[in-house]
Amino acid sequence: MSDKTNLIAPYGGKLVNLIVAVEEAEALKAQATQLPSLQISERSACDLELLATGAFSPLDKFMGQADYQRVLDEMRLTSGHIFPIPVTLPVDPNTPGIELGKQIALRSSTNELLGVMTIDEIYEWNLPETAQKVFNTQDLRHPLIAEMHRWGKLNISGPVKVFQLPEHYDFQQLRHTPAQVRSHLEAFGRENVVAFQTRNPIHRVHEELTKLATASVDGVLLLHPVVGMTKPGDVDHFTRVRTYKALTDNYYEQDRVFLSLLPLAMRMAGPREALWHALIRRNHGANHFIVGRDHAGPGNDSTGKPFYGPYDAQELVAQYSEELGVKMLPFKMLVYLPEEDRYEEEDKVPAGVKTASISGTQVRDDYLYKGRLLPEWFKSPKF
């Protein structure tokens, strides 16, 4: 493929790549077996994979203290680039081998040898400050804040060399690095790419919305579901991916859609996370991003109120859209018009016209989990 591209450039100008060349990998791996080991969590392994392949560009390592603090305070790296979510490697203070200037081998939770870090920073992090600034709450009903209480009290940072990405044995043909996604999207020959983030099964309204959004910019849809860590209680990714594949194979025009899986560990951080999702999709080649109502929201707090307002995420992404280079496309609520057998934006339906709708939560809780069949009007006709 030539250097000329019709896709937006990665954020910061180029994709970070922490994966060492094959000839270096064997020697580094042999060296790593002699080093102290740190077994990282599933979350950190997801982060390491996306750091290594450039999905978090221009971030090129687990954050040091200066980047971490500026991300908390201003949603930016010290370089000035937008980055709304801290990506850190927490460790317990008594972890063996954690010393400044020393190397440590990084292993997965299943003991896979993934890479080597040279530790150049060890610093304490503040849980209440992090929770309040990133999530706008300290409520333990927030799943990530509850999880943070189990993290080590120190963060470590330093250059990382990766010689093996975490192994995935499922849906390997649908797993791509950002560079690979870009190569596939390039082949469509369109400038505009609309990315759609999902951690749930896609229902009929999502399908209509993504088709309308893609057509509105004469683009291609990057259907980019999260298959790393999502919210406890979500439908498992094995089931979800089968539905995405059936949908893209049978109900979308093949020259308008590309399905790829994203091994992201979600934070459920609402507005900040929505902006992060847009940045990640730019690195995969998207210049448009659909933002839903209560995007990446974790539900209700301990008082029964939603953690975030329904449009907070859309407002934040729109605020930074021009600087980030990714246009925010708001998720518009669509309803079904039985008498016309079509979908329409809810606010465009005249008063008195009969409508029908089913929310994503209802699809999951009232139909899928109970084994009930969805109504015929909610099923997709083939194109």
Protein backbone atom coordinates (compact mmCIF):
# COMPACT_ATOMS: atom_id res chain seq x y z
CA MET A 1 0.00 0.00 0.00
CA SER A 2 1.34 3.47 -0.84
CA ASP A 3 2.00 6.14 1.79
CA LYS A 4 -0.88 8.18 0.40
CA THR A 5 -4.06 7.54 2.34
CA ASN A 6 -7.62 8.78 2.22
CA LEU A 7 -8.03 8.18 5.98
CA ILE A 8 -7.47 10.63 8.80
CA ALA A 9 -3.96 10.38 10.30
CA PRO A 10 -3.51 8.76 13.72
CA TYR A 11 -3.74 11.17 16.64
CA GLY A 12 -0.32 12.71 17.10
CA GLY A 13 0.67 11.93 13.50
CA LYS A 14 1.70 8.28 13.69
CA LEU A 15 0.76 5.01 15.37
CA VAL A 16 2.84 4.06 18.40
CA ASN A 17 4.36 0.59 18.03
CA LEU A 18 5.94 -1.05 21.07
CA ILE A 19 6.24 -4.51 19.50
CA VAL A 20 9.86 -5.45 18.92
CA ALA A 21 11.08 -7.02 15.70
CA VAL A 22 11.11 -10.82 15.46
CA GLU A 23 14.90 -11.04 15.57
CA GLU A 24 15.00 -8.99 18.79
CA ALA A 25 12.02 -10.76 20.37
CA GLU A 26 13.74 -14.10 20.97
CA ALA A 27 16.74 -12.53 22.69
CA LEU A 28 14.52 -10.26 24.77
CA LYS A 29 12.30 -13.17 25.77
CA ALA A 30 15.31 -15.18 26.88
CA GLN A 31 16.50 -12.19 28.91
CA ALA A 32 13.03 -11.73 30.41
CA THR A 33 13.01 -15.24 31.85
CA GLN A 34 15.91 -14.18 34.09
CA LEU A 35 14.18 -11.04 35.38
CA PRO A 36 11.78 -10.55 38.30
CA SER A 37 8.20 -10.95 37.03
CA LEU A 38 5.08 -8.86 37.52
CA GLN A 39 1.82 -10.67 36.83
CA ILE A 40 -0.51 -7.95 35.58
CA SER A 41 -4.30 -7.91 35.78
CA GLU A 42 -6.66 -8.60 32.90
CA ARG A 43 -7.33 -4.85 32.74
CA SER A 44 -3.64 -4.00 32.51
CA ALA A 45 -3.13 -6.69 29.86
CA CYS A 46 -5.87 -5.06 27.75
CA ASP A 47 -4.18 -1.70 28.23
CA LEU A 48 -0.78 -3.12 27.34
CA GLU A 49 -2.12 -4.59 24.08
CA LEU A 50 -3.67 -1.27 23.02
CA LEU A 51 -0.56 0.68 24.04
CA ALA A 52 1.66 -1.70 22.09
CA THR A 53 -0.39 -1.53 18.87
CA GLY A 54 -0.95 2.23 18.91
CA ALA A 55 -4.65 2.35 19.77
CA PHE A 56 -3.81 4.85 22.54
CA SER A 57 -1.48 6.97 20.36
CA PRO A 58 0.29 9.24 21.13
CA LEU A 59 0.53 7.59 24.58
CA ASP A 60 3.49 5.20 24.44
CA LYS A 61 3.70 3.76 27.97
CA PHE A 62 1.78 3.40 31.21
CA MET A 63 1.52 6.96 32.49
CA GLY A 64 4.18 8.57 34.62
CA GLN A 65 3.18 10.97 37.37
CA ALA A 66 3.22 14.18 35.29
CA ASP A 67 1.02 12.74 32.55
CA TYR A 68 -1.25 11.10 35.11
CA GLN A 69 -1.80 14.33 37.03
CA ARG A 70 -2.44 16.43 33.94
CA VAL A 71 -4.92 13.85 32.64
CA LEU A 72 -6.80 14.08 35.95
CA ASP A 73 -6.78 17.87 35.96
CA GLU A 74 -7.07 18.82 32.28
CA MET A 75 -7.73 15.65 30.23
CA ARG A 76 -4.40 16.15 28.46
CA LEU A 77 -0.97 14.59 28.33
CA THR A 78 2.04 16.75 29.18
CA SER A 79 2.54 17.06 25.40
CA GLY A 80 -0.79 18.91 25.23
CA HIS A 81 -2.63 16.13 23.40
CA ILE A 82 -6.16 15.32 24.53
CA PHE A 83 -6.28 12.20 26.70
CA PRO A 84 -9.20 11.95 29.13
CA ILE A 85 -8.61 8.61 30.90
CA PRO A 86 -5.57 7.65 33.02
CA VAL A 87 -3.82 4.50 31.80
CA THR A 88 -1.59 3.35 34.63
CA LEU A 89 0.04 0.20 35.97
CA PRO A 90 -0.78 -0.12 39.69
CA VAL A 91 1.30 -2.39 41.94
CA ASP A 92 1.42 -3.25 45.63
CA PRO A 93 4.25 -1.52 47.54
CA ASN A 94 5.75 -4.88 48.60
CA THR A 95 5.88 -6.34 45.08
CA PRO A 96 9.32 -7.96 44.57
CA GLY A 97 11.53 -6.49 41.85
CA ILE A 98 9.97 -3.02 41.78
CA GLU A 99 13.06 -0.79 41.81
CA LEU A 100 13.95 2.38 39.95
CA GLY A 101 16.23 1.78 37.01
CA LYS A 102 15.61 -1.97 37.01
CA GLN A 103 13.87 -4.11 34.42
CA ILE A 104 10.86 -6.27 35.16
CA ALA A 105 9.15 -8.91 33.04
CA LEU A 106 5.43 -8.37 32.45
CA ARG A 107 3.29 -11.50 32.49
CA SER A 108 -0.43 -11.99 31.95
CA SER A 109 -2.78 -13.40 34.59
CA THR A 110 -2.20 -16.81 32.93
CA ASN A 111 1.58 -16.32 33.19
CA GLU A 112 2.22 -15.55 29.50
CA LEU A 113 5.45 -13.62 29.08
CA LEU A 114 4.42 -10.42 27.27
CA GLY A 115 7.25 -7.92 27.51
CA VAL A 116 9.80 -6.04 29.57
CA MET A 117 9.51 -2.68 31.33
CA THR A 118 12.42 -0.53 32.45
CA ILE A 119 11.11 1.19 35.59
CA ASP A 120 11.91 4.90 35.62
CA GLU A 121 9.07 6.09 37.89
CA ILE A 122 7.38 4.78 41.03
CA TYR A 123 4.76 7.04 42.55
CA GLU A 124 1.75 6.97 44.84
CA TRP A 125 -1.67 7.70 43.40
CA ASN A 126 -4.67 9.17 45.19
CA LEU A 127 -7.83 7.09 44.94
CA PRO A 128 -10.40 9.72 46.07
CA GLU A 129 -8.87 12.36 43.78
CA THR A 130 -8.81 9.98 40.83
CA ALA A 131 -12.40 8.86 41.40
CA GLN A 132 -13.72 12.40 41.75
CA LYS A 133 -11.89 13.89 38.79
CA VAL A 134 -12.31 11.02 36.30
CA PHE A 135 -15.73 9.69 37.32
CA ASN A 136 -17.17 12.75 39.09
CA THR A 137 -18.10 10.56 42.05
CA GLN A 138 -16.65 8.43 44.82
CA ASP A 139 -19.72 6.23 45.04
CA LEU A 140 -18.84 2.55 45.41
CA ARG A 141 -21.83 1.63 43.27
CA HIS A 142 -19.65 2.66 40.35
CA PRO A 143 -18.03 -0.65 39.28
CA LEU A 144 -14.63 0.80 38.44
CA ILE A 145 -14.37 2.75 41.70
CA ALA A 146 -15.20 -0.42 43.63
CA GLU A 147 -12.48 -2.19 41.64
CA MET A 148 -9.94 0.60 42.25
CA HIS A 149 -10.08 -0.12 45.98
CA ARG A 150 -8.41 -3.47 45.20
CA TRP A 151 -5.58 -1.95 43.13
CA GLY A 152 -2.02 -1.52 44.38
CA LYS A 153 -1.26 1.86 45.94
CA LEU A 154 1.72 2.63 43.68
CA ASN A 155 1.92 3.20 39.93
CA ILE A 156 5.01 2.29 37.93
CA SER A 157 6.04 3.66 34.56
CA GLY A 158 8.83 3.38 32.04
CA PRO A 159 9.65 2.29 28.49
CA VAL A 160 8.07 -1.02 27.51
CA LYS A 161 9.18 -3.51 24.88
CA VAL A 162 6.50 -6.03 23.93
CA PHE A 163 7.39 -9.30 22.24
CA GLN A 164 4.03 -11.03 22.54
CA LEU A 165 0.49 -9.67 22.65
CA PRO A 166 -1.96 -11.41 25.01
CA GLU A 167 -3.15 -14.58 23.31
CA HIS A 168 -6.74 -14.72 22.05
CA TYR A 169 -8.13 -18.02 20.84
CA ASP A 170 -11.57 -16.81 19.76
CA PHE A 171 -12.63 -14.92 16.62
CA GLN A 172 -9.04 -14.53 15.49
CA GLN A 173 -10.14 -13.50 11.97
CA LEU A 174 -11.95 -10.50 13.48
CA ARG A 175 -9.09 -9.25 15.65
CA HIS A 176 -6.96 -6.54 14.06
CA THR A 177 -4.39 -4.00 15.18
CA PRO A 178 -5.10 -0.34 14.36
CA ALA A 179 -2.69 -0.58 11.41
CA GLN A 180 -4.57 -3.61 10.09
CA VAL A 181 -7.94 -1.91 10.50
CA ARG A 182 -6.60 1.08 8.59
CA SER A 183 -5.39 -1.17 5.79
CA HIS A 184 -8.82 -2.79 5.48
CA LEU A 185 -10.63 0.56 5.60
CA GLU A 186 -8.25 1.99 3.00
CA ALA A 187 -9.46 -0.67 0.56
CA PHE A 188 -13.01 0.72 0.70
CA GLY A 189 -11.72 3.89 -0.96
CA ARG A 190 -13.82 6.30 1.09
CA GLU A 191 -12.61 9.29 3.08
CA ASN A 192 -15.28 9.11 5.75
CA VAL A 193 -15.35 6.34 8.34
CA VAL A 194 -18.12 6.24 10.95
CA ALA A 195 -17.18 4.28 14.07
CA PHE A 196 -19.78 2.68 16.31
CA GLN A 197 -18.86 1.62 19.84
CA THR A 198 -20.88 -1.14 21.47
CA ARG A 199 -20.66 -3.48 24.45
CA ASN A 200 -24.20 -4.85 23.98
CA PRO A 201 -26.00 -6.83 21.30
CA ILE A 202 -26.98 -4.49 18.45
CA HIS A 203 -30.73 -4.11 18.10
CA ARG A 204 -32.89 -2.90 15.25
CA VAL A 205 -32.62 0.79 16.10
CA HIS A 206 -28.82 0.60 16.23
CA GLU A 207 -28.83 -0.99 12.79
CA GLU A 208 -31.02 1.74 11.31
CA LEU A 209 -29.03 4.48 13.02
CA THR A 210 -25.65 3.21 11.83
CA LYS A 211 -26.91 2.82 8.27
CA LEU A 212 -28.36 6.34 8.26
CA ALA A 213 -25.19 7.84 9.80
CA THR A 214 -22.96 6.07 7.29
CA ALA A 215 -25.09 7.12 4.33
CA SER A 216 -25.24 10.73 5.55
CA VAL A 217 -21.48 11.15 5.04
CA ASP A 218 -21.14 8.69 2.13
CA GLY A 219 -18.81 6.65 4.30
CA VAL A 220 -18.09 3.19 5.61
CA LEU A 221 -19.11 1.88 9.02
CA LEU A 222 -16.44 0.62 11.40
CA LEU A 223 -18.43 -1.65 13.70
CA HIS A 224 -16.01 -1.82 16.63
CA PRO A 225 -17.39 -3.76 19.60
CA VAL A 226 -15.51 -4.00 22.88
CA VAL A 227 -14.42 -7.53 23.76
CA GLY A 228 -12.12 -6.71 26.65
CA MET A 229 -13.62 -5.87 30.03
CA THR A 230 -17.10 -4.33 30.07
CA LYS A 231 -19.71 -3.89 32.80
CA PRO A 232 -20.49 -6.80 35.13
CA GLY A 233 -23.75 -8.36 33.96
CA ASP A 234 -23.26 -7.55 30.27
CA VAL A 235 -23.95 -10.21 27.66
CA ASP A 236 -20.76 -12.23 27.14
CA HIS A 237 -18.69 -11.29 24.10
CA PHE A 238 -18.87 -14.78 22.57
CA THR A 239 -22.63 -14.38 22.13
CA ARG A 240 -22.40 -10.76 21.10
CA VAL A 241 -19.77 -11.28 18.41
CA ARG A 242 -21.85 -13.99 16.76
CA THR A 243 -24.73 -11.51 16.50
CA TYR A 244 -22.46 -8.82 15.04
CA LYS A 245 -21.10 -11.24 12.49
CA ALA A 246 -24.57 -12.42 11.44
CA LEU A 247 -25.67 -8.80 11.12
CA THR A 248 -22.71 -7.60 9.05
CA ASP A 249 -22.75 -10.69 6.85
CA ASN A 250 -26.46 -10.52 6.04
CA TYR A 251 -27.97 -7.12 6.75
CA TYR A 252 -25.40 -4.50 5.71
CA GLU A 253 -24.10 -3.71 2.25
CA GLN A 254 -20.68 -5.36 2.11
CA ASP A 255 -18.97 -2.28 0.68
CA ARG A 256 -20.24 -0.17 3.59
CA VAL A 257 -19.21 -2.05 6.74
CA PHE A 258 -16.13 -3.49 8.43
CA LEU A 259 -16.34 -5.50 11.66
CA SER A 260 -13.34 -5.57 13.98
CA LEU A 261 -13.03 -6.42 17.68
CA LEU A 262 -11.48 -4.06 20.23
CA PRO A 263 -9.80 -5.60 23.32
CA LEU A 264 -10.50 -2.52 25.43
CA ALA A 265 -10.97 -2.57 29.19
CA MET A 266 -13.80 -0.10 29.67
CA ARG A 267 -13.89 2.25 32.66
CA MET A 268 -17.61 3.17 32.42
CA ALA A 269 -16.52 6.79 32.84
CA GLY A 270 -19.37 8.39 30.92
CA PRO A 271 -18.38 11.67 29.17
CA ARG A 272 -14.62 11.24 29.59
CA GLU A 273 -14.83 7.70 28.29
CA ALA A 274 -16.84 8.79 25.24
CA LEU A 275 -14.07 11.23 24.32
CA TRP A 276 -11.49 8.47 24.86
CA HIS A 277 -13.48 6.15 22.60
CA ALA A 278 -13.45 8.81 19.87
CA LEU A 279 -9.66 9.19 20.19
CA ILE A 280 -9.16 5.42 19.99
CA ARG A 281 -11.33 5.24 16.86
CA ARG A 282 -9.34 8.02 15.19
CA ASN A 283 -6.27 5.85 15.63
CA HIS A 284 -8.15 3.09 13.80
CA GLY A 285 -8.96 5.43 10.89
CA ALA A 286 -12.37 6.86 11.82
CA ASN A 287 -13.16 10.57 11.44
CA HIS A 288 -16.77 10.28 12.67
CA PHE A 289 -17.98 8.71 15.90
CA ILE A 290 -21.52 7.93 17.03
CA VAL A 291 -22.14 8.90 20.66
CA GLY A 292 -25.20 7.47 22.36
CA ARG A 293 -27.37 8.67 25.20
CA ASP A 294 -25.53 8.08 28.50
CA HIS A 295 -22.55 6.74 26.53
CA ALA A 296 -20.42 4.42 28.70
CA GLY A 297 -22.62 5.11 31.70
CA PRO A 298 -22.62 2.53 34.52
CA GLY A 299 -26.29 2.98 35.46
CA ASN A 300 -27.54 4.40 38.74
CA ASP A 301 -25.65 5.49 41.84
CA SER A 302 -26.42 4.46 45.41
CA THR A 303 -29.27 6.98 45.59
CA GLY A 304 -30.92 5.56 42.47
CA LYS A 305 -29.95 8.45 40.20
CA PRO A 306 -27.93 8.02 36.97
CA PHE A 307 -24.23 8.74 37.41
CA TYR A 308 -24.26 10.94 34.27
CA GLY A 309 -26.84 12.97 32.40
CA PRO A 310 -28.19 11.46 29.16
CA TYR A 311 -26.45 14.02 26.93
CA ASP A 312 -23.31 14.82 28.97
CA ALA A 313 -21.15 12.57 26.80
CA GLN A 314 -22.41 14.08 23.55
CA GLU A 315 -21.72 17.58 24.84
CA LEU A 316 -18.14 16.79 25.91
CA VAL A 317 -17.22 15.03 22.66
CA ALA A 318 -18.75 17.87 20.63
CA GLN A 319 -16.68 20.36 22.65
CA TYR A 320 -13.40 18.68 21.65
CA SER A 321 -14.50 17.38 18.26
CA GLU A 322 -12.70 19.93 16.10
CA GLU A 323 -9.41 19.67 17.99
CA LEU A 324 -9.52 15.87 18.01
CA GLY A 325 -10.48 15.73 14.34
CA VAL A 326 -13.40 13.38 14.91
CA LYS A 327 -16.91 14.63 14.23
CA MET A 328 -19.46 13.65 16.85
CA LEU A 329 -22.63 12.08 15.44
CA PRO A 330 -25.31 12.03 18.15
CA PHE A 331 -27.34 8.87 18.60
CA LYS A 332 -30.83 9.95 17.62
CA MET A 333 -33.71 8.03 19.13
CA LEU A 334 -35.59 6.21 16.39
CA VAL A 335 -39.10 4.79 16.71
CA TYR A 336 -41.01 2.38 14.50
CA LEU A 337 -44.09 3.62 12.60
CA PRO A 338 -46.32 0.53 12.23
CA GLU A 339 -48.65 2.11 9.67
CA GLU A 340 -45.74 3.03 7.40
CA ASP A 341 -43.44 0.08 8.22
CA ARG A 342 -40.38 2.29 8.71
CA TYR A 343 -38.26 3.98 11.36
CA GLU A 344 -38.14 7.72 11.99
CA GLU A 345 -36.37 10.06 14.39
CA GLU A 346 -38.57 10.44 17.43
CA ASP A 347 -38.62 14.25 17.35
CA LYS A 348 -39.76 14.25 13.71
CA VAL A 349 -42.89 12.17 14.31
CA PRO A 350 -46.10 14.27 14.22
CA ALA A 351 -48.27 14.25 17.33
CA GLY A 352 -50.82 11.48 17.37
CA VAL A 353 -48.95 9.14 15.02
CA LYS A 354 -48.78 5.59 16.40
CA THR A 355 -45.22 4.46 17.26
CA ALA A 356 -43.49 1.46 18.79
CA SER A 357 -40.06 1.05 20.36
CA ILE A 358 -37.96 -1.31 22.47
CA SER A 359 -34.89 -0.13 24.34
CA GLY A 360 -31.59 -1.99 24.44
CA THR A 361 -32.15 -2.74 28.13
CA GLN A 362 -35.55 -4.24 27.31
CA VAL A 363 -34.02 -6.33 24.51
CA ARG A 364 -31.53 -7.76 26.98
CA ASP A 365 -33.61 -8.09 30.15
CA ASP A 366 -37.16 -8.64 28.89
CA TYR A 367 -36.46 -10.72 25.77
CA LEU A 368 -32.96 -12.27 25.58
CA TYR A 369 -32.59 -13.20 29.24
CA LYS A 370 -36.17 -14.55 29.38
CA GLY A 371 -35.96 -16.45 26.11
CA ARG A 372 -38.80 -14.48 24.55
CA LEU A 373 -38.96 -13.86 20.80
CA LEU A 374 -38.69 -10.27 19.62
CA PRO A 375 -41.67 -8.88 17.71
CA GLU A 376 -41.53 -9.22 13.92
CA TRP A 377 -41.30 -5.46 13.35
CA PHE A 378 -38.11 -5.36 15.44
CA LYS A 379 -36.33 -7.92 13.25
CA SER A 380 -34.12 -6.90 10.36
CA PRO A 381 -35.24 -7.41 6.77
CA LYS A 382 -32.40 -8.42 4.47
CA PHE A 383 -31.23 -5.72 2.09
